[in-house]
């Protein structure tokens, strides 16, 4: 079966994601995450972050990884803002708007 470059990248990213998720679930079932205090690794939103990082690394077309990362940011906006500490609450939405505008301009070209 012949695949284009984009399809091969997608298959690679999906296969690596499945392997990593399988390893993470196996480690979780063995109780190693809870034993060492890493229960947060298996949170659903963190699995989304891991998937987005894998897609950004292994896929030439970064759209899927960026969309997944954007979803993760939206789901964790409160945590991200608390990490920013004393900075204004408007800083992160402003950064997200700027990134969105840049991506939109890149799309139009």
Protein backbone atom coordinates (compact mmCIF):
# COMPACT_ATOMS: atom_id res chain seq x y z
CA UNK A 1 0.00 0.00 0.00
CA UNK A 2 1.40 3.38 -0.97
CA UNK A 3 1.10 6.29 1.44
CA UNK A 4 1.92 9.94 0.93
CA UNK A 5 4.46 11.67 3.20
CA UNK A 6 1.67 13.26 5.24
CA UNK A 7 -0.04 9.89 5.78
CA UNK A 8 3.25 8.29 6.83
CA UNK A 9 3.83 11.10 9.32
CA UNK A 10 0.31 10.63 10.66
CA UNK A 11 0.77 6.86 11.00
CA UNK A 12 4.09 7.41 12.79
CA UNK A 13 2.58 9.95 15.20
CA UNK A 14 -0.42 7.73 15.93
CA UNK A 15 1.74 4.63 16.45
CA UNK A 16 4.11 6.47 18.81
CA UNK A 17 1.11 7.89 20.68
CA UNK A 18 -0.41 4.43 21.11
CA UNK A 19 2.91 2.98 22.29
CA UNK A 20 3.46 5.79 24.80
CA UNK A 21 -0.14 5.62 26.07
CA UNK A 22 0.11 1.84 26.41
CA UNK A 23 3.32 2.18 28.42
CA UNK A 24 1.81 4.87 30.61
CA UNK A 25 -1.31 2.78 31.31
CA UNK A 26 0.87 -0.27 32.07
CA UNK A 27 3.01 1.74 34.50
CA UNK A 28 -0.19 3.11 36.08
CA UNK A 29 -1.69 -0.38 36.47
CA UNK A 30 1.52 -1.56 38.12
CA UNK A 31 0.98 1.22 40.65
CA UNK A 32 4.29 2.95 40.03
CA UNK A 33 2.84 6.41 39.43
CA UNK A 34 0.91 6.42 42.71
CA UNK A 35 3.84 4.89 44.58
CA UNK A 36 6.12 7.79 43.64
CA UNK A 37 3.49 10.56 43.67
CA UNK A 38 3.05 10.96 39.91
CA UNK A 39 -0.71 10.39 39.76
CA UNK A 40 -1.08 13.63 37.78
CA UNK A 41 0.55 11.98 34.74
CA UNK A 42 -2.57 9.94 34.05
CA UNK A 43 -4.99 12.87 34.21
CA UNK A 44 -6.98 13.09 30.96
CA UNK A 45 -5.85 16.61 30.20
CA UNK A 46 -2.21 15.64 30.65
CA UNK A 47 -2.67 12.72 28.26
CA UNK A 48 -3.94 15.30 25.77
CA UNK A 49 -0.78 17.34 26.35
CA UNK A 50 1.41 14.27 25.81
CA UNK A 51 -0.45 13.47 22.58
CA UNK A 52 -0.04 17.02 21.30
CA UNK A 53 3.70 16.97 22.02
CA UNK A 54 4.07 13.65 20.17
CA UNK A 55 2.19 15.04 17.14
CA UNK A 56 4.33 18.20 17.19
CA UNK A 57 7.52 16.12 17.25
CA UNK A 58 6.69 13.39 14.73
CA UNK A 59 4.36 15.04 12.21
CA UNK A 60 5.61 17.52 9.62
CA UNK A 61 2.22 19.21 9.45
CA UNK A 62 1.91 20.80 12.91
CA UNK A 63 -1.80 21.63 12.75
CA UNK A 64 -3.06 18.63 14.73
CA UNK A 65 -0.45 19.11 17.45
CA UNK A 66 -1.21 22.82 17.71
CA UNK A 67 -4.96 22.23 17.89
CA UNK A 68 -4.52 19.61 20.63
CA UNK A 69 -2.16 21.96 22.49
CA UNK A 70 -4.72 24.76 22.15
CA UNK A 71 -7.43 22.53 23.59
CA UNK A 72 -5.13 21.64 26.49
CA UNK A 73 -4.46 25.33 27.14
CA UNK A 74 -8.19 26.09 27.17
CA UNK A 75 -8.86 23.20 29.58
CA UNK A 76 -6.07 24.35 31.90
CA UNK A 77 -6.38 28.12 31.62
CA UNK A 78 -6.89 28.50 35.39
CA UNK A 79 -3.78 26.50 36.18
CA UNK A 80 -1.74 28.39 33.62
CA UNK A 81 -2.89 31.74 34.98
CA UNK A 82 -2.05 30.66 38.53
CA UNK A 83 1.44 29.68 37.33
CA UNK A 84 1.86 33.17 35.94
CA UNK A 85 1.42 34.40 39.51
CA UNK A 86 1.07 38.12 39.95
CA UNK A 87 0.82 38.87 36.22
CA UNK A 88 -2.40 40.28 34.91
CA UNK A 89 -5.18 37.86 34.05
CA UNK A 90 -5.37 39.48 30.64
CA UNK A 91 -1.85 38.47 29.64
CA UNK A 92 -2.63 34.87 28.68
CA UNK A 93 -5.76 35.67 26.62
CA UNK A 94 -3.77 38.37 24.85
CA UNK A 95 -1.00 35.89 24.02
CA UNK A 96 -3.58 33.36 22.78
CA UNK A 97 -5.16 36.02 20.56
CA UNK A 98 -1.79 36.99 19.12
CA UNK A 99 -0.89 33.37 18.38
CA UNK A 100 -4.32 32.81 16.80
CA UNK A 101 -3.96 35.90 14.60
CA UNK A 102 -0.47 34.82 13.49
CA UNK A 103 -1.75 31.33 12.61
CA UNK A 104 -4.71 32.84 10.75
CA UNK A 105 -2.42 35.10 8.73
CA UNK A 106 -0.15 32.13 7.94
CA UNK A 107 -3.23 30.19 6.80
CA UNK A 108 -4.31 32.98 4.44
CA UNK A 109 -0.91 33.13 2.69
